[in-house]
Amino acid sequence: MTEVELVATALATGAAAGLTDTPRGVVHDLHAALREAVRRRLSGGGGDSVRGGYGVRVLYAYETDPDVWRTRLLQVLASGLEMDEEILGAARAVLRVERRKGHITAVVGP
């Protein structure tokens, strides 16, 4: 799994868990931290069209319908967005907690 796929899977897993778990659960909190880290990175400016408004809109749209927005989110994440340790660590934490609960969500293909 690439870093981009790791982050996208964690975002989908956290969003799905948020639909069924109590609103202030551990997965919800970890997912919120991951989403905020990615949002900050996407909002970080830069001259390309992915950063700023479009990338953030794709991030939020992905959470509402991951099946439809997965390909676009992967493109946004792969377009030179720096996957730093904050983002990767947050993604791993979401997946680790979900794995412990026994509900890991497998996302296959673009």
C-alpha atoms as a PDB file:
ATOM      1  CA  MET A   1       0.000   0.000   0.000  1.00  0.00           C
ATOM      2  CA  THR A   2       1.420   3.376  -0.974  1.00  0.00           C
ATOM      3  CA  GLU A   3       1.404   6.351   1.384  1.00  0.00           C
ATOM      4  CA  VAL A   4      -1.412   7.918  -0.652  1.00  0.00           C
ATOM      5  CA  GLU A   5      -3.498   4.725  -0.422  1.00  0.00           C
ATOM      6  CA  LEU A   6      -2.775   4.496   3.307  1.00  0.00           C
ATOM      7  CA  VAL A   7      -4.105   8.010   3.919  1.00  0.00           C
ATOM      8  CA  ALA A   8      -7.162   7.525   1.667  1.00  0.00           C
ATOM      9  CA  THR A   9      -8.018   4.219   3.368  1.00  0.00           C
ATOM     10  CA  ALA A  10      -7.673   5.757   6.823  1.00  0.00           C
ATOM     11  CA  LEU A  11      -9.899   8.672   5.811  1.00  0.00           C
ATOM     12  CA  ALA A  12     -12.583   6.283   4.520  1.00  0.00           C
ATOM     13  CA  THR A  13     -12.275   3.991   7.548  1.00  0.00           C
ATOM     14  CA  GLY A  14     -12.550   6.878   9.977  1.00  0.00           C
ATOM     15  CA  ALA A  15     -15.522   8.388   8.156  1.00  0.00           C
ATOM     16  CA  ALA A  16     -17.320   5.018   8.112  1.00  0.00           C
ATOM     17  CA  ALA A  17     -16.615   4.482  11.805  1.00  0.00           C
ATOM     18  CA  GLY A  18     -17.994   7.919  12.553  1.00  0.00           C
ATOM     19  CA  LEU A  19     -21.317   6.840  11.098  1.00  0.00           C
ATOM     20  CA  THR A  20     -21.692   3.974  13.562  1.00  0.00           C
ATOM     21  CA  ASP A  21     -19.635   4.836  16.645  1.00  0.00           C
ATOM     22  CA  THR A  22     -20.506   7.291  19.341  1.00  0.00           C
ATOM     23  CA  PRO A  23     -19.672  10.808  18.190  1.00  0.00           C
ATOM     24  CA  ARG A  24     -16.725  11.258  20.566  1.00  0.00           C
ATOM     25  CA  GLY A  25     -15.097   7.849  20.197  1.00  0.00           C
ATOM     26  CA  VAL A  26     -11.396   7.207  19.753  1.00  0.00           C
ATOM     27  CA  VAL A  27     -11.702   6.531  16.028  1.00  0.00           C
ATOM     28  CA  HIS A  28     -13.668   9.744  15.586  1.00  0.00           C
ATOM     29  CA  ASP A  29     -10.982  11.760  17.358  1.00  0.00           C
ATOM     30  CA  LEU A  30      -8.134  10.149  15.408  1.00  0.00           C
ATOM     31  CA  HIS A  31     -10.015  10.600  12.140  1.00  0.00           C
ATOM     32  CA  ALA A  32     -10.652  14.267  12.937  1.00  0.00           C
ATOM     33  CA  ALA A  33      -6.931  14.781  13.587  1.00  0.00           C
ATOM     34  CA  LEU A  34      -6.032  13.093  10.288  1.00  0.00           C
ATOM     35  CA  ARG A  35      -8.623  15.052   8.328  1.00  0.00           C
ATOM     36  CA  GLU A  36      -7.418  18.319   9.866  1.00  0.00           C
ATOM     37  CA  ALA A  37      -3.764  17.540   9.061  1.00  0.00           C
ATOM     38  CA  VAL A  38      -4.635  16.764   5.426  1.00  0.00           C
ATOM     39  CA  ARG A  39      -6.901  19.826   5.200  1.00  0.00           C
ATOM     40  CA  ARG A  40      -4.127  22.085   6.525  1.00  0.00           C
ATOM     41  CA  ARG A  41      -1.675  20.644   4.010  1.00  0.00           C
ATOM     42  CA  LEU A  42      -4.166  21.090   1.150  1.00  0.00           C
ATOM     43  CA  SER A  43      -4.921  24.647   2.257  1.00  0.00           C
ATOM     44  CA  GLY A  44      -1.217  25.458   2.402  1.00  0.00           C
ATOM     45  CA  GLY A  45      -1.257  27.475  -0.772  1.00  0.00           C
ATOM     46  CA  GLY A  46       1.093  26.811  -3.602  1.00  0.00           C
ATOM     47  CA  GLY A  47       0.574  27.701  -7.219  1.00  0.00           C
ATOM     48  CA  ASP A  48      -1.080  24.508  -8.382  1.00  0.00           C
ATOM     49  CA  SER A  49      -4.828  24.057  -8.747  1.00  0.00           C
ATOM     50  CA  VAL A  50      -4.970  21.100  -6.348  1.00  0.00           C
ATOM     51  CA  ARG A  51      -3.981  23.032  -3.280  1.00  0.00           C
ATOM     52  CA  GLY A  52      -6.461  25.410  -1.829  1.00  0.00           C
ATOM     53  CA  GLY A  53     -10.151  25.234  -2.526  1.00  0.00           C
ATOM     54  CA  TYR A  54     -10.351  22.302  -4.925  1.00  0.00           C
ATOM     55  CA  GLY A  55      -8.310  19.883  -2.827  1.00  0.00           C
ATOM     56  CA  VAL A  56     -10.231  20.722   0.341  1.00  0.00           C
ATOM     57  CA  ARG A  57     -13.575  20.318  -1.470  1.00  0.00           C
ATOM     58  CA  VAL A  58     -12.499  16.895  -2.727  1.00  0.00           C
ATOM     59  CA  LEU A  59     -11.448  15.906   0.808  1.00  0.00           C
ATOM     60  CA  TYR A  60     -14.862  16.794   2.233  1.00  0.00           C
ATOM     61  CA  ALA A  61     -16.754  15.275  -0.708  1.00  0.00           C
ATOM     62  CA  TYR A  62     -14.798  12.029  -0.235  1.00  0.00           C
ATOM     63  CA  GLU A  63     -16.069  11.748   3.307  1.00  0.00           C
ATOM     64  CA  THR A  64     -19.672  11.962   2.163  1.00  0.00           C
ATOM     65  CA  ASP A  65     -19.303   9.492  -0.727  1.00  0.00           C
ATOM     66  CA  PRO A  66     -15.950   7.657  -0.834  1.00  0.00           C
ATOM     67  CA  ASP A  67     -16.969   5.416  -3.741  1.00  0.00           C
ATOM     68  CA  VAL A  68     -17.579   8.383  -6.039  1.00  0.00           C
ATOM     69  CA  TRP A  69     -14.692  10.606  -4.896  1.00  0.00           C
ATOM     70  CA  ARG A  70     -11.925   8.020  -4.287  1.00  0.00           C
ATOM     71  CA  THR A  71     -10.170   8.500  -7.630  1.00  0.00           C
ATOM     72  CA  ARG A  72     -10.149  12.289  -7.298  1.00  0.00           C
ATOM     73  CA  LEU A  73      -8.889  12.142  -3.724  1.00  0.00           C
ATOM     74  CA  LEU A  74      -6.066   9.796  -4.758  1.00  0.00           C
ATOM     75  CA  GLN A  75      -5.162  12.259  -7.530  1.00  0.00           C
ATOM     76  CA  VAL A  76      -5.185  15.168  -5.086  1.00  0.00           C
ATOM     77  CA  LEU A  77      -3.059  13.310  -2.545  1.00  0.00           C
ATOM     78  CA  ALA A  78      -0.624  12.088  -5.214  1.00  0.00           C
ATOM     79  CA  SER A  79      -0.183  15.501  -6.837  1.00  0.00           C
ATOM     80  CA  GLY A  80       2.858  16.449  -4.838  1.00  0.00           C
ATOM     81  CA  LEU A  81       1.182  16.772  -1.458  1.00  0.00           C
ATOM     82  CA  GLU A  82       3.888  16.121   1.094  1.00  0.00           C
ATOM     83  CA  MET A  83       2.993  13.131   3.254  1.00  0.00           C
ATOM     84  CA  ASP A  84       4.778  14.111   6.435  1.00  0.00           C
ATOM     85  CA  GLU A  85       4.952  12.115   9.645  1.00  0.00           C
ATOM     86  CA  GLU A  86       1.961  13.959  11.124  1.00  0.00           C
ATOM     87  CA  ILE A  87      -0.309  12.770   8.317  1.00  0.00           C
ATOM     88  CA  LEU A  88       1.161   9.269   8.052  1.00  0.00           C
ATOM     89  CA  GLY A  89       1.163   8.772  11.822  1.00  0.00           C
ATOM     90  CA  ALA A  90      -2.465   9.878  12.085  1.00  0.00           C
ATOM     91  CA  ALA A  91      -3.471   7.538   9.233  1.00  0.00           C
ATOM     92  CA  ARG A  92      -1.681   4.593  10.849  1.00  0.00           C
ATOM     93  CA  ALA A  93      -3.348   5.362  14.199  1.00  0.00           C
ATOM     94  CA  VAL A  94      -6.851   5.276  12.664  1.00  0.00           C
ATOM     95  CA  LEU A  95      -6.171   1.954  10.965  1.00  0.00           C
ATOM     96  CA  ARG A  96      -4.514   0.478  14.051  1.00  0.00           C
ATOM     97  CA  VAL A  97      -7.524   1.266  16.264  1.00  0.00           C
ATOM     98  CA  GLU A  98      -9.954  -0.086  13.681  1.00  0.00           C
ATOM     99  CA  ARG A  99      -7.890  -3.258  13.282  1.00  0.00           C
ATOM    100  CA  ARG A 100      -7.993  -3.806  17.046  1.00  0.00           C
ATOM    101  CA  LYS A 101     -11.753  -3.450  16.948  1.00  0.00           C
ATOM    102  CA  GLY A 102     -11.851  -5.981  14.107  1.00  0.00           C
ATOM    103  CA  HIS A 103     -13.532  -3.691  11.571  1.00  0.00           C
ATOM    104  CA  ILE A 104     -10.817  -2.797   9.095  1.00  0.00           C
ATOM    105  CA  THR A 105     -12.319  -1.455   5.883  1.00  0.00           C
ATOM    106  CA  ALA A 106     -10.656  -2.708   2.738  1.00  0.00           C
ATOM    107  CA  VAL A 107     -10.772  -0.269  -0.150  1.00  0.00           C
ATOM    108  CA  VAL A 108      -9.984  -1.943  -3.439  1.00  0.00           C
ATOM    109  CA  GLY A 109      -8.925  -0.185  -6.613  1.00  0.00           C
ATOM    110  CA  PRO A 110      -9.466   3.386  -7.764  1.00  0.00           C
END
